[in-house]
N, C-alpha and C. Protein backbone atom coordinates (compact mmCIF):
# COMPACT_ATOMS: atom_id res chain seq x y z
N MET A 1 22.15 6.71 17.57
CA MET A 1 21.29 6.47 16.41
C MET A 1 21.08 4.97 16.23
N ALA A 2 19.85 4.54 16.06
CA ALA A 2 19.54 3.11 15.95
C ALA A 2 19.99 2.58 14.61
N ALA A 3 20.46 1.33 14.61
CA ALA A 3 20.87 0.70 13.36
C ALA A 3 19.65 0.33 12.54
N ASP A 4 19.85 0.25 11.22
CA ASP A 4 18.76 -0.17 10.35
C ASP A 4 18.43 -1.62 10.62
N PRO A 5 17.14 -2.00 10.58
CA PRO A 5 16.77 -3.39 10.83
C PRO A 5 17.26 -4.29 9.71
N ILE A 6 17.59 -5.55 10.05
CA ILE A 6 18.07 -6.53 9.08
C ILE A 6 17.14 -7.73 9.11
N LEU A 7 16.51 -8.06 7.98
CA LEU A 7 15.64 -9.22 7.85
C LEU A 7 16.26 -10.19 6.86
N TYR A 8 16.24 -11.49 7.21
CA TYR A 8 16.73 -12.52 6.31
C TYR A 8 15.53 -13.27 5.73
N LEU A 9 15.60 -13.55 4.44
CA LEU A 9 14.53 -14.28 3.76
C LEU A 9 15.16 -15.47 3.05
N SER A 10 14.72 -16.67 3.40
CA SER A 10 15.32 -17.86 2.80
C SER A 10 14.35 -19.03 2.92
N ALA A 11 14.50 -19.98 2.01
CA ALA A 11 13.72 -21.22 2.07
C ALA A 11 14.43 -22.28 2.90
N GLN A 12 15.68 -22.01 3.30
CA GLN A 12 16.46 -22.98 4.05
C GLN A 12 16.37 -22.67 5.55
N HIS A 13 15.57 -23.43 6.25
CA HIS A 13 15.37 -23.18 7.68
C HIS A 13 16.65 -23.39 8.48
N SER A 14 17.58 -24.18 7.94
CA SER A 14 18.83 -24.43 8.65
C SER A 14 19.66 -23.17 8.81
N LEU A 15 19.35 -22.13 8.02
CA LEU A 15 20.11 -20.88 8.09
C LEU A 15 19.58 -19.93 9.15
N GLU A 16 18.47 -20.29 9.79
CA GLU A 16 17.84 -19.36 10.73
C GLU A 16 18.78 -19.00 11.87
N LEU A 17 19.42 -20.00 12.47
CA LEU A 17 20.31 -19.73 13.60
C LEU A 17 21.48 -18.87 13.16
N GLU A 18 22.03 -19.13 11.98
CA GLU A 18 23.15 -18.34 11.49
C GLU A 18 22.73 -16.89 11.25
N ALA A 19 21.51 -16.71 10.77
CA ALA A 19 21.02 -15.35 10.52
C ALA A 19 20.91 -14.58 11.83
N LEU A 20 20.42 -15.25 12.88
CA LEU A 20 20.29 -14.58 14.17
C LEU A 20 21.66 -14.30 14.78
N LYS A 21 22.59 -15.22 14.59
CA LYS A 21 23.95 -14.99 15.07
C LYS A 21 24.58 -13.78 14.40
N ALA A 22 24.19 -13.54 13.15
CA ALA A 22 24.75 -12.43 12.38
C ALA A 22 24.04 -11.12 12.67
N ALA A 23 23.31 -11.09 13.79
CA ALA A 23 22.62 -9.87 14.26
C ALA A 23 21.41 -9.53 13.41
N GLY A 24 20.80 -10.51 12.78
CA GLY A 24 19.57 -10.25 12.05
C GLY A 24 18.41 -10.01 13.01
N ASP A 25 17.49 -9.14 12.61
CA ASP A 25 16.34 -8.84 13.47
C ASP A 25 15.25 -9.89 13.35
N GLU A 26 15.15 -10.49 12.16
CA GLU A 26 14.11 -11.50 11.98
C GLU A 26 14.46 -12.39 10.81
N PHE A 27 14.03 -13.66 10.89
CA PHE A 27 14.22 -14.62 9.81
C PHE A 27 12.85 -14.97 9.25
N LEU A 28 12.65 -14.77 7.97
CA LEU A 28 11.38 -15.05 7.31
C LEU A 28 11.57 -16.22 6.35
N SER A 29 10.64 -17.17 6.43
CA SER A 29 10.74 -18.37 5.60
C SER A 29 10.00 -18.20 4.29
N LYS A 30 10.61 -18.63 3.21
CA LYS A 30 9.95 -18.66 1.91
C LYS A 30 9.18 -19.97 1.78
N PRO A 31 8.07 -20.00 1.04
CA PRO A 31 7.49 -18.84 0.34
C PRO A 31 6.74 -17.92 1.32
N ILE A 32 6.66 -16.65 0.98
CA ILE A 32 5.97 -15.67 1.81
C ILE A 32 5.19 -14.73 0.90
N SER A 33 3.99 -14.36 1.31
CA SER A 33 3.18 -13.48 0.46
C SER A 33 3.79 -12.09 0.41
N HIS A 34 3.51 -11.39 -0.68
CA HIS A 34 4.04 -10.04 -0.85
C HIS A 34 3.54 -9.12 0.26
N ASP A 35 2.24 -9.22 0.59
CA ASP A 35 1.67 -8.35 1.62
C ASP A 35 2.32 -8.58 2.98
N LEU A 36 2.55 -9.86 3.32
CA LEU A 36 3.16 -10.16 4.62
C LEU A 36 4.60 -9.66 4.67
N LEU A 37 5.32 -9.81 3.57
CA LEU A 37 6.70 -9.33 3.53
C LEU A 37 6.75 -7.81 3.70
N VAL A 38 5.86 -7.11 3.01
CA VAL A 38 5.83 -5.66 3.12
C VAL A 38 5.48 -5.23 4.54
N GLU A 39 4.51 -5.93 5.16
CA GLU A 39 4.12 -5.59 6.53
C GLU A 39 5.29 -5.80 7.50
N GLN A 40 6.03 -6.89 7.33
CA GLN A 40 7.16 -7.16 8.22
C GLN A 40 8.23 -6.08 8.08
N VAL A 41 8.52 -5.69 6.84
CA VAL A 41 9.54 -4.66 6.62
C VAL A 41 9.08 -3.33 7.20
N LYS A 42 7.82 -2.95 6.96
CA LYS A 42 7.30 -1.69 7.50
C LYS A 42 7.32 -1.69 9.02
N SER A 43 6.90 -2.82 9.60
CA SER A 43 6.84 -2.91 11.06
C SER A 43 8.23 -2.75 11.67
N ARG A 44 9.22 -3.43 11.10
CA ARG A 44 10.58 -3.33 11.62
C ARG A 44 11.14 -1.92 11.42
N ALA A 45 10.83 -1.31 10.28
CA ALA A 45 11.32 0.05 10.03
C ALA A 45 10.71 1.04 11.01
N MET A 46 9.41 0.86 11.30
CA MET A 46 8.74 1.75 12.25
C MET A 46 9.35 1.60 13.64
N ARG A 47 9.62 0.37 14.03
CA ARG A 47 10.21 0.15 15.35
C ARG A 47 11.61 0.76 15.43
N ALA A 48 12.38 0.63 14.34
CA ALA A 48 13.73 1.19 14.34
C ALA A 48 13.68 2.71 14.44
N ARG A 49 12.74 3.34 13.71
CA ARG A 49 12.62 4.80 13.77
C ARG A 49 12.21 5.25 15.16
N ALA A 50 11.29 4.50 15.77
CA ALA A 50 10.83 4.87 17.11
C ALA A 50 11.97 4.77 18.12
N LEU A 51 12.73 3.68 18.05
CA LEU A 51 13.84 3.51 18.97
C LEU A 51 14.91 4.58 18.75
N GLY A 52 15.15 4.89 17.47
CA GLY A 52 16.17 5.86 17.15
C GLY A 52 15.82 7.26 17.60
N SER A 53 14.53 7.57 17.68
CA SER A 53 14.11 8.91 18.08
C SER A 53 13.71 8.98 19.55
N GLY A 54 13.88 7.87 20.26
CA GLY A 54 13.53 7.85 21.68
C GLY A 54 12.05 7.65 21.93
N LEU A 55 11.26 7.35 20.89
CA LEU A 55 9.83 7.14 21.07
C LEU A 55 9.57 5.70 21.49
N SER A 56 8.41 5.45 22.11
CA SER A 56 8.09 4.11 22.56
C SER A 56 6.81 3.63 21.89
N LEU A 57 6.67 2.31 21.84
CA LEU A 57 5.58 1.68 21.12
C LEU A 57 4.61 1.00 22.07
N ASP A 58 3.35 0.97 21.67
CA ASP A 58 2.31 0.27 22.41
C ASP A 58 2.57 -1.23 22.35
N GLY A 59 2.53 -1.90 23.49
CA GLY A 59 2.87 -3.31 23.54
C GLY A 59 1.93 -4.21 22.77
N LEU A 60 0.66 -3.85 22.66
CA LEU A 60 -0.31 -4.70 21.98
C LEU A 60 -0.28 -4.53 20.48
N THR A 61 -0.25 -3.29 20.01
CA THR A 61 -0.40 -3.01 18.58
C THR A 61 0.91 -2.75 17.85
N GLY A 62 1.97 -2.40 18.59
CA GLY A 62 3.22 -2.05 17.94
C GLY A 62 3.24 -0.66 17.36
N LEU A 63 2.17 0.12 17.58
CA LEU A 63 2.12 1.51 17.12
C LEU A 63 2.64 2.43 18.22
N LEU A 64 2.85 3.69 17.88
CA LEU A 64 3.30 4.65 18.88
C LEU A 64 2.29 4.76 20.01
N ARG A 65 2.79 4.95 21.23
CA ARG A 65 1.91 5.23 22.36
C ARG A 65 1.40 6.66 22.26
N ALA A 66 0.36 6.95 23.03
CA ALA A 66 -0.33 8.24 22.90
C ALA A 66 0.61 9.43 23.09
N ALA A 67 1.39 9.42 24.16
CA ALA A 67 2.28 10.55 24.44
C ALA A 67 3.30 10.74 23.33
N ASP A 68 3.81 9.62 22.82
CA ASP A 68 4.82 9.70 21.77
C ASP A 68 4.20 10.09 20.43
N ALA A 69 2.96 9.67 20.20
CA ALA A 69 2.27 10.09 18.98
C ALA A 69 2.03 11.60 18.99
N ARG A 70 1.69 12.13 20.16
CA ARG A 70 1.51 13.58 20.28
C ARG A 70 2.84 14.31 20.06
N GLN A 71 3.91 13.74 20.57
CA GLN A 71 5.23 14.33 20.38
C GLN A 71 5.61 14.34 18.90
N ARG A 72 5.35 13.23 18.22
CA ARG A 72 5.65 13.15 16.79
C ARG A 72 4.77 14.12 16.01
N LEU A 73 3.51 14.26 16.41
CA LEU A 73 2.61 15.18 15.72
C LEU A 73 3.10 16.62 15.89
N ALA A 74 3.56 16.96 17.08
CA ALA A 74 4.08 18.31 17.30
C ALA A 74 5.25 18.61 16.38
N ALA A 75 6.12 17.61 16.19
CA ALA A 75 7.30 17.80 15.35
C ALA A 75 6.93 18.00 13.89
N ILE A 76 6.01 17.17 13.38
CA ILE A 76 5.67 17.30 11.96
C ILE A 76 4.76 18.51 11.73
N SER A 77 4.02 18.94 12.75
CA SER A 77 3.21 20.16 12.62
C SER A 77 4.13 21.37 12.46
N ALA A 78 5.20 21.40 13.26
CA ALA A 78 6.15 22.49 13.15
C ALA A 78 6.82 22.49 11.78
N ARG A 79 7.13 21.31 11.28
CA ARG A 79 7.76 21.21 9.96
C ARG A 79 6.80 21.66 8.87
N ALA A 80 5.53 21.24 8.97
CA ALA A 80 4.55 21.65 7.97
C ALA A 80 4.30 23.15 8.02
N GLY A 81 4.25 23.71 9.24
CA GLY A 81 4.04 25.14 9.37
C GLY A 81 5.17 25.95 8.75
N ALA A 82 6.40 25.46 8.91
CA ALA A 82 7.56 26.17 8.37
C ALA A 82 7.65 26.06 6.85
N SER A 83 7.26 24.91 6.32
CA SER A 83 7.39 24.68 4.87
C SER A 83 6.17 25.10 4.07
N GLY A 84 5.03 25.23 4.76
CA GLY A 84 3.80 25.55 4.06
C GLY A 84 3.17 24.36 3.36
N ARG A 85 3.72 23.15 3.60
CA ARG A 85 3.16 21.94 3.00
C ARG A 85 1.96 21.47 3.81
N PRO A 86 1.00 20.81 3.18
CA PRO A 86 -0.19 20.37 3.91
C PRO A 86 0.11 19.23 4.88
N LEU A 87 -0.67 19.17 5.93
CA LEU A 87 -0.62 18.08 6.91
C LEU A 87 -2.04 17.78 7.34
N SER A 88 -2.41 16.51 7.28
CA SER A 88 -3.76 16.10 7.69
C SER A 88 -3.66 14.96 8.69
N ILE A 89 -4.62 14.92 9.60
CA ILE A 89 -4.67 13.83 10.57
C ILE A 89 -6.06 13.20 10.58
N GLY A 90 -6.11 11.97 11.06
CA GLY A 90 -7.38 11.30 11.26
C GLY A 90 -7.42 10.66 12.63
N LEU A 91 -8.52 10.79 13.33
CA LEU A 91 -8.75 10.07 14.58
C LEU A 91 -9.72 8.94 14.27
N LEU A 92 -9.30 7.70 14.50
CA LEU A 92 -10.10 6.52 14.21
C LEU A 92 -10.61 5.90 15.50
N ASP A 93 -11.84 5.44 15.48
CA ASP A 93 -12.41 4.76 16.64
C ASP A 93 -13.21 3.56 16.15
N LEU A 94 -12.93 2.39 16.70
CA LEU A 94 -13.65 1.18 16.29
C LEU A 94 -15.12 1.27 16.69
N ASP A 95 -15.99 0.86 15.79
CA ASP A 95 -17.43 0.93 16.04
C ASP A 95 -17.89 -0.26 16.88
N HIS A 96 -18.69 0.04 17.91
CA HIS A 96 -19.29 -1.01 18.75
C HIS A 96 -18.25 -1.97 19.31
N PHE A 97 -17.08 -1.45 19.64
CA PHE A 97 -16.00 -2.32 20.11
C PHE A 97 -16.34 -2.98 21.45
N LYS A 98 -17.10 -2.29 22.28
CA LYS A 98 -17.48 -2.86 23.58
C LYS A 98 -18.25 -4.16 23.40
N CYS A 99 -19.04 -4.24 22.33
CA CYS A 99 -19.82 -5.45 22.07
C CYS A 99 -18.91 -6.64 21.79
N VAL A 100 -17.79 -6.39 21.11
CA VAL A 100 -16.84 -7.46 20.84
C VAL A 100 -16.28 -8.00 22.16
N ASN A 101 -15.83 -7.09 23.03
CA ASN A 101 -15.30 -7.52 24.33
C ASN A 101 -16.35 -8.22 25.17
N ASP A 102 -17.58 -7.68 25.17
CA ASP A 102 -18.65 -8.26 25.99
C ASP A 102 -19.08 -9.62 25.49
N ASN A 103 -19.14 -9.78 24.17
CA ASN A 103 -19.67 -11.02 23.60
C ASN A 103 -18.62 -12.11 23.43
N PHE A 104 -17.37 -11.72 23.16
CA PHE A 104 -16.36 -12.72 22.82
C PHE A 104 -15.12 -12.69 23.73
N GLY A 105 -15.04 -11.71 24.60
CA GLY A 105 -13.90 -11.63 25.50
C GLY A 105 -12.83 -10.67 25.03
N HIS A 106 -11.97 -10.30 25.97
CA HIS A 106 -10.95 -9.30 25.65
C HIS A 106 -9.87 -9.83 24.72
N ALA A 107 -9.65 -11.14 24.71
CA ALA A 107 -8.67 -11.70 23.77
C ALA A 107 -9.12 -11.48 22.34
N ALA A 108 -10.43 -11.64 22.11
CA ALA A 108 -10.97 -11.39 20.77
C ALA A 108 -10.86 -9.91 20.43
N GLY A 109 -11.14 -9.05 21.43
CA GLY A 109 -10.99 -7.62 21.20
C GLY A 109 -9.57 -7.24 20.86
N ASP A 110 -8.61 -7.87 21.54
CA ASP A 110 -7.20 -7.59 21.25
C ASP A 110 -6.84 -7.98 19.82
N SER A 111 -7.41 -9.08 19.33
CA SER A 111 -7.11 -9.50 17.96
C SER A 111 -7.63 -8.48 16.95
N VAL A 112 -8.75 -7.84 17.27
CA VAL A 112 -9.28 -6.80 16.38
C VAL A 112 -8.36 -5.58 16.39
N LEU A 113 -7.89 -5.19 17.57
CA LEU A 113 -6.98 -4.05 17.67
C LEU A 113 -5.69 -4.32 16.90
N ARG A 114 -5.15 -5.53 17.03
CA ARG A 114 -3.92 -5.86 16.30
C ARG A 114 -4.16 -5.88 14.80
N ALA A 115 -5.34 -6.34 14.39
CA ALA A 115 -5.64 -6.39 12.96
C ALA A 115 -5.73 -4.98 12.37
N LEU A 116 -6.34 -4.06 13.10
CA LEU A 116 -6.41 -2.68 12.61
C LEU A 116 -5.02 -2.08 12.53
N ALA A 117 -4.20 -2.33 13.56
CA ALA A 117 -2.83 -1.82 13.54
C ALA A 117 -2.06 -2.39 12.35
N GLY A 118 -2.25 -3.67 12.08
CA GLY A 118 -1.58 -4.29 10.93
C GLY A 118 -2.03 -3.69 9.61
N THR A 119 -3.32 -3.41 9.50
CA THR A 119 -3.84 -2.77 8.29
C THR A 119 -3.23 -1.39 8.10
N LEU A 120 -3.10 -0.65 9.20
CA LEU A 120 -2.47 0.66 9.12
C LEU A 120 -1.03 0.55 8.67
N ARG A 121 -0.29 -0.38 9.24
CA ARG A 121 1.12 -0.52 8.86
C ARG A 121 1.27 -0.90 7.39
N ARG A 122 0.37 -1.74 6.89
CA ARG A 122 0.47 -2.18 5.49
C ARG A 122 0.15 -1.06 4.52
N ARG A 123 -0.82 -0.22 4.86
CA ARG A 123 -1.38 0.69 3.86
C ARG A 123 -0.95 2.14 3.98
N LEU A 124 -0.43 2.55 5.14
CA LEU A 124 0.02 3.94 5.26
C LEU A 124 1.30 4.13 4.46
N ARG A 125 1.49 5.33 3.95
CA ARG A 125 2.68 5.64 3.18
C ARG A 125 3.89 5.75 4.11
N GLY A 126 5.08 5.72 3.53
CA GLY A 126 6.29 5.74 4.34
C GLY A 126 6.43 6.99 5.19
N SER A 127 5.87 8.11 4.73
CA SER A 127 5.98 9.36 5.48
C SER A 127 4.90 9.51 6.55
N ASP A 128 3.92 8.61 6.58
CA ASP A 128 2.83 8.69 7.54
C ASP A 128 3.20 7.97 8.84
N PHE A 129 2.44 8.20 9.89
CA PHE A 129 2.62 7.42 11.11
C PHE A 129 1.28 7.22 11.78
N ALA A 130 1.23 6.21 12.65
CA ALA A 130 0.00 5.91 13.40
C ALA A 130 0.35 5.66 14.85
N GLY A 131 -0.57 6.01 15.74
CA GLY A 131 -0.39 5.78 17.17
C GLY A 131 -1.69 5.35 17.80
N ARG A 132 -1.59 4.60 18.89
CA ARG A 132 -2.77 4.21 19.65
C ARG A 132 -2.97 5.23 20.77
N MET A 133 -4.10 5.93 20.72
CA MET A 133 -4.34 7.02 21.66
C MET A 133 -4.97 6.53 22.96
N GLY A 134 -5.40 5.28 22.97
CA GLY A 134 -6.03 4.72 24.17
C GLY A 134 -7.24 3.89 23.79
N GLY A 135 -7.39 2.73 24.43
CA GLY A 135 -8.55 1.89 24.12
C GLY A 135 -8.58 1.52 22.65
N GLU A 136 -9.70 1.87 22.00
CA GLU A 136 -9.87 1.54 20.59
C GLU A 136 -9.75 2.76 19.68
N GLU A 137 -9.07 3.81 20.16
CA GLU A 137 -8.91 5.03 19.36
C GLU A 137 -7.47 5.15 18.86
N PHE A 138 -7.33 5.52 17.59
CA PHE A 138 -6.03 5.60 16.95
C PHE A 138 -5.89 6.95 16.25
N LEU A 139 -4.65 7.42 16.19
CA LEU A 139 -4.31 8.63 15.44
C LEU A 139 -3.49 8.23 14.23
N VAL A 140 -3.83 8.78 13.06
CA VAL A 140 -2.99 8.62 11.88
C VAL A 140 -2.66 10.02 11.37
N ALA A 141 -1.44 10.21 10.92
CA ALA A 141 -1.01 11.52 10.41
C ALA A 141 -0.45 11.36 9.01
N PHE A 142 -0.85 12.27 8.13
CA PHE A 142 -0.47 12.22 6.73
C PHE A 142 0.30 13.50 6.36
N GLU A 143 1.60 13.38 6.20
CA GLU A 143 2.39 14.54 5.79
C GLU A 143 2.19 14.79 4.30
N ASP A 144 2.28 16.08 3.92
CA ASP A 144 2.16 16.48 2.51
C ASP A 144 0.89 15.89 1.89
N CYS A 145 -0.21 16.00 2.62
CA CYS A 145 -1.47 15.37 2.20
C CYS A 145 -2.63 16.28 2.60
N THR A 146 -3.49 16.60 1.65
CA THR A 146 -4.65 17.43 1.95
C THR A 146 -5.71 16.60 2.66
N PRO A 147 -6.66 17.24 3.33
CA PRO A 147 -7.75 16.48 3.98
C PRO A 147 -8.53 15.61 2.99
N GLY A 148 -8.74 16.13 1.78
CA GLY A 148 -9.45 15.34 0.79
C GLY A 148 -8.70 14.08 0.41
N GLU A 149 -7.38 14.20 0.28
CA GLU A 149 -6.55 13.02 -0.02
C GLU A 149 -6.54 12.06 1.16
N ALA A 150 -6.48 12.61 2.37
CA ALA A 150 -6.53 11.76 3.56
C ALA A 150 -7.85 11.02 3.65
N LEU A 151 -8.94 11.70 3.29
CA LEU A 151 -10.25 11.07 3.27
C LEU A 151 -10.26 9.86 2.34
N HIS A 152 -9.69 10.04 1.16
CA HIS A 152 -9.65 8.94 0.19
C HIS A 152 -8.84 7.76 0.73
N LEU A 153 -7.69 8.04 1.33
CA LEU A 153 -6.84 6.99 1.88
C LEU A 153 -7.55 6.23 3.01
N LEU A 154 -8.21 6.97 3.90
CA LEU A 154 -8.87 6.33 5.04
C LEU A 154 -10.11 5.55 4.62
N GLU A 155 -10.81 6.03 3.61
CA GLU A 155 -11.98 5.28 3.12
C GLU A 155 -11.54 3.95 2.51
N ARG A 156 -10.46 3.96 1.77
CA ARG A 156 -9.95 2.71 1.20
C ARG A 156 -9.49 1.77 2.31
N LEU A 157 -8.81 2.32 3.29
CA LEU A 157 -8.34 1.52 4.41
C LEU A 157 -9.51 0.95 5.20
N GLY A 158 -10.55 1.77 5.39
CA GLY A 158 -11.73 1.31 6.11
C GLY A 158 -12.45 0.18 5.39
N HIS A 159 -12.49 0.26 4.06
CA HIS A 159 -13.13 -0.80 3.28
C HIS A 159 -12.36 -2.11 3.43
N GLU A 160 -11.03 -2.02 3.39
CA GLU A 160 -10.21 -3.23 3.54
C GLU A 160 -10.40 -3.83 4.93
N PHE A 161 -10.40 -2.99 5.95
CA PHE A 161 -10.55 -3.49 7.31
C PHE A 161 -11.93 -4.13 7.51
N ALA A 162 -12.96 -3.53 6.95
CA ALA A 162 -14.32 -4.05 7.11
C ALA A 162 -14.49 -5.42 6.47
N ASN A 163 -13.63 -5.77 5.52
CA ASN A 163 -13.72 -7.07 4.85
C ASN A 163 -13.00 -8.18 5.61
N LEU A 164 -12.28 -7.83 6.68
CA LEU A 164 -11.62 -8.86 7.48
C LEU A 164 -12.66 -9.63 8.30
N GLN A 165 -12.45 -10.92 8.44
CA GLN A 165 -13.35 -11.76 9.21
C GLN A 165 -12.65 -12.23 10.49
N PHE A 166 -13.33 -12.05 11.62
CA PHE A 166 -12.82 -12.49 12.91
C PHE A 166 -13.67 -13.65 13.43
N GLY A 167 -13.07 -14.49 14.24
CA GLY A 167 -13.82 -15.63 14.76
C GLY A 167 -13.46 -15.95 16.20
N ALA A 168 -14.47 -16.36 16.96
CA ALA A 168 -14.27 -16.80 18.34
C ALA A 168 -15.53 -17.52 18.80
N GLU A 169 -15.34 -18.56 19.57
CA GLU A 169 -16.47 -19.31 20.14
C GLU A 169 -17.45 -19.76 19.06
N GLY A 170 -16.92 -20.18 17.91
CA GLY A 170 -17.75 -20.69 16.83
C GLY A 170 -18.53 -19.64 16.07
N GLN A 171 -18.29 -18.37 16.35
CA GLN A 171 -18.99 -17.30 15.66
C GLN A 171 -17.99 -16.44 14.88
N HIS A 172 -18.49 -15.81 13.83
CA HIS A 172 -17.66 -14.96 13.00
C HIS A 172 -18.30 -13.58 12.87
N TRP A 173 -17.46 -12.59 12.77
CA TRP A 173 -17.96 -11.22 12.65
C TRP A 173 -16.93 -10.35 11.96
N SER A 174 -17.34 -9.17 11.58
CA SER A 174 -16.42 -8.18 11.03
C SER A 174 -16.58 -6.89 11.82
N CYS A 175 -15.62 -6.00 11.67
CA CYS A 175 -15.63 -4.74 12.41
C CYS A 175 -15.41 -3.57 11.45
N THR A 176 -15.87 -2.41 11.87
CA THR A 176 -15.65 -1.18 11.09
C THR A 176 -15.10 -0.12 12.03
N PHE A 177 -14.67 0.98 11.44
CA PHE A 177 -14.27 2.12 12.26
C PHE A 177 -14.86 3.40 11.70
N SER A 178 -14.96 4.40 12.54
CA SER A 178 -15.34 5.74 12.14
C SER A 178 -14.10 6.62 12.26
N ALA A 179 -14.04 7.69 11.46
CA ALA A 179 -12.85 8.54 11.49
C ALA A 179 -13.24 10.00 11.32
N GLY A 180 -12.54 10.86 12.05
CA GLY A 180 -12.65 12.29 11.87
C GLY A 180 -11.34 12.83 11.34
N ILE A 181 -11.42 13.70 10.33
CA ILE A 181 -10.23 14.20 9.63
C ILE A 181 -10.16 15.71 9.75
N ALA A 182 -8.94 16.21 9.94
CA ALA A 182 -8.73 17.65 9.98
C ALA A 182 -7.38 17.97 9.34
N GLY A 183 -7.30 19.11 8.69
CA GLY A 183 -6.05 19.56 8.08
C GLY A 183 -5.48 20.73 8.87
N LEU A 184 -4.17 20.77 9.01
CA LEU A 184 -3.51 21.82 9.79
C LEU A 184 -3.71 23.18 9.13
N ALA A 185 -4.19 24.15 9.91
CA ALA A 185 -4.37 25.52 9.43
C ALA A 185 -3.15 26.35 9.81
N PRO A 186 -2.87 27.44 9.09
CA PRO A 186 -1.72 28.27 9.41
C PRO A 186 -1.75 28.76 10.86
N GLY A 187 -0.67 28.57 11.58
CA GLY A 187 -0.57 29.03 12.95
C GLY A 187 -1.29 28.18 13.97
N GLU A 188 -1.88 27.09 13.55
CA GLU A 188 -2.68 26.25 14.46
C GLU A 188 -1.78 25.36 15.33
N THR A 189 -2.19 25.14 16.56
CA THR A 189 -1.46 24.25 17.45
C THR A 189 -1.87 22.80 17.19
N PRO A 190 -0.98 21.84 17.46
CA PRO A 190 -1.35 20.43 17.31
C PRO A 190 -2.53 20.05 18.20
N GLY A 191 -2.63 20.69 19.37
CA GLY A 191 -3.74 20.38 20.27
C GLY A 191 -5.08 20.74 19.66
N TYR A 192 -5.15 21.91 19.03
CA TYR A 192 -6.42 22.31 18.44
C TYR A 192 -6.72 21.48 17.19
N LEU A 193 -5.68 21.09 16.46
CA LEU A 193 -5.88 20.21 15.31
C LEU A 193 -6.51 18.90 15.76
N LEU A 194 -6.04 18.34 16.87
CA LEU A 194 -6.62 17.12 17.42
C LEU A 194 -8.07 17.34 17.86
N GLU A 195 -8.35 18.49 18.44
CA GLU A 195 -9.72 18.79 18.86
C GLU A 195 -10.66 18.80 17.67
N ARG A 196 -10.23 19.39 16.57
CA ARG A 196 -11.11 19.44 15.39
C ARG A 196 -11.32 18.06 14.80
N ALA A 197 -10.27 17.23 14.80
CA ALA A 197 -10.43 15.86 14.31
C ALA A 197 -11.38 15.08 15.21
N ASP A 198 -11.31 15.35 16.52
CA ASP A 198 -12.19 14.67 17.47
C ASP A 198 -13.65 15.08 17.25
N ARG A 199 -13.88 16.36 16.95
CA ARG A 199 -15.24 16.80 16.65
C ARG A 199 -15.78 16.12 15.40
N ALA A 200 -14.91 15.98 14.39
CA ALA A 200 -15.34 15.31 13.16
C ALA A 200 -15.62 13.83 13.43
N LEU A 201 -14.84 13.21 14.30
CA LEU A 201 -15.09 11.81 14.67
C LEU A 201 -16.45 11.69 15.35
N TYR A 202 -16.76 12.63 16.22
CA TYR A 202 -18.06 12.63 16.91
C TYR A 202 -19.20 12.72 15.88
N ARG A 203 -19.00 13.55 14.86
CA ARG A 203 -20.00 13.65 13.79
C ARG A 203 -20.16 12.32 13.07
N ALA A 204 -19.03 11.69 12.76
CA ALA A 204 -19.08 10.41 12.04
C ALA A 204 -19.86 9.37 12.84
N LYS A 205 -19.67 9.36 14.15
CA LYS A 205 -20.41 8.43 15.00
C LYS A 205 -21.90 8.75 14.97
N ASN A 206 -22.23 10.03 15.09
CA ASN A 206 -23.64 10.44 15.13
C ASN A 206 -24.35 10.22 13.80
N GLU A 207 -23.59 10.25 12.71
CA GLU A 207 -24.19 10.09 11.39
C GLU A 207 -24.33 8.63 10.97
N GLY A 208 -24.03 7.71 11.87
CA GLY A 208 -24.28 6.30 11.58
C GLY A 208 -23.08 5.39 11.66
N ARG A 209 -21.88 5.92 11.97
CA ARG A 209 -20.67 5.12 12.07
C ARG A 209 -20.24 4.55 10.71
N ASN A 210 -19.11 3.85 10.72
CA ASN A 210 -18.56 3.24 9.51
C ASN A 210 -18.42 4.28 8.39
N ARG A 211 -17.85 5.42 8.74
CA ARG A 211 -17.66 6.49 7.76
C ARG A 211 -16.54 7.42 8.21
N CYS A 212 -16.02 8.17 7.26
CA CYS A 212 -14.97 9.15 7.53
C CYS A 212 -15.52 10.54 7.23
N VAL A 213 -15.30 11.48 8.13
CA VAL A 213 -15.87 12.82 8.01
C VAL A 213 -14.77 13.85 8.17
N ILE A 214 -14.76 14.85 7.31
CA ILE A 214 -13.81 15.95 7.41
C ILE A 214 -14.39 17.04 8.30
N ASP A 215 -13.56 17.57 9.18
CA ASP A 215 -13.99 18.63 10.10
C ASP A 215 -14.56 19.82 9.33
N ALA A 216 -15.61 20.42 9.88
CA ALA A 216 -16.31 21.52 9.20
C ALA A 216 -15.43 22.72 8.97
N GLU A 217 -14.40 22.94 9.80
CA GLU A 217 -13.51 24.09 9.64
C GLU A 217 -12.42 23.86 8.61
N THR A 218 -12.35 22.65 8.08
CA THR A 218 -11.28 22.28 7.16
C THR A 218 -11.77 22.36 5.72
N SER A 219 -10.94 22.90 4.84
CA SER A 219 -11.22 22.89 3.41
C SER A 219 -10.58 21.68 2.79
N PRO A 220 -11.36 20.83 2.09
CA PRO A 220 -10.78 19.62 1.51
C PRO A 220 -9.83 19.92 0.40
């Protein structure tokens, strides 16, 4: 079982070495914004949970890798099926991401991917998880959450992400994402749940992008 992460927060930089000697995972210097502190704690907690459960993380974003995200989804789907509690997922895909790579380079594209991952870590609830499914596509899972509630959470998250400003080669731009949402039905497999979310994502793209759509088979 993995140990709980330990973070030190101090205004005295001279204590940094001592904190690391004492097996601290990270030393944070004061003053620090509330949002940054929360993100650091969430990120470390997510990494500790992943290590403790044998799951692995994507090297670029720090989120679960695709295979491990599917494994985690299978586990919480079984739990939701047994308890009768709702479970909803969202498949997110960055809009026009190829244009970012083509116009500004892959380093700029990587910064966008990391920013979306950071937004997810800051805003998802403690019981939720996120994984990078490949390229610019991400999976988010919401335990004890109806599709309608998941829609509200993802729309708020999408608005926050769209307000971020990126810069490279003297130019600035913002990015958006589209999302497809589906809620677990009784007796449904995780694979089919993902298929329905993917269909909803396809609809969101066809309807103009920068929007979240609930799968037609799902009741909000």
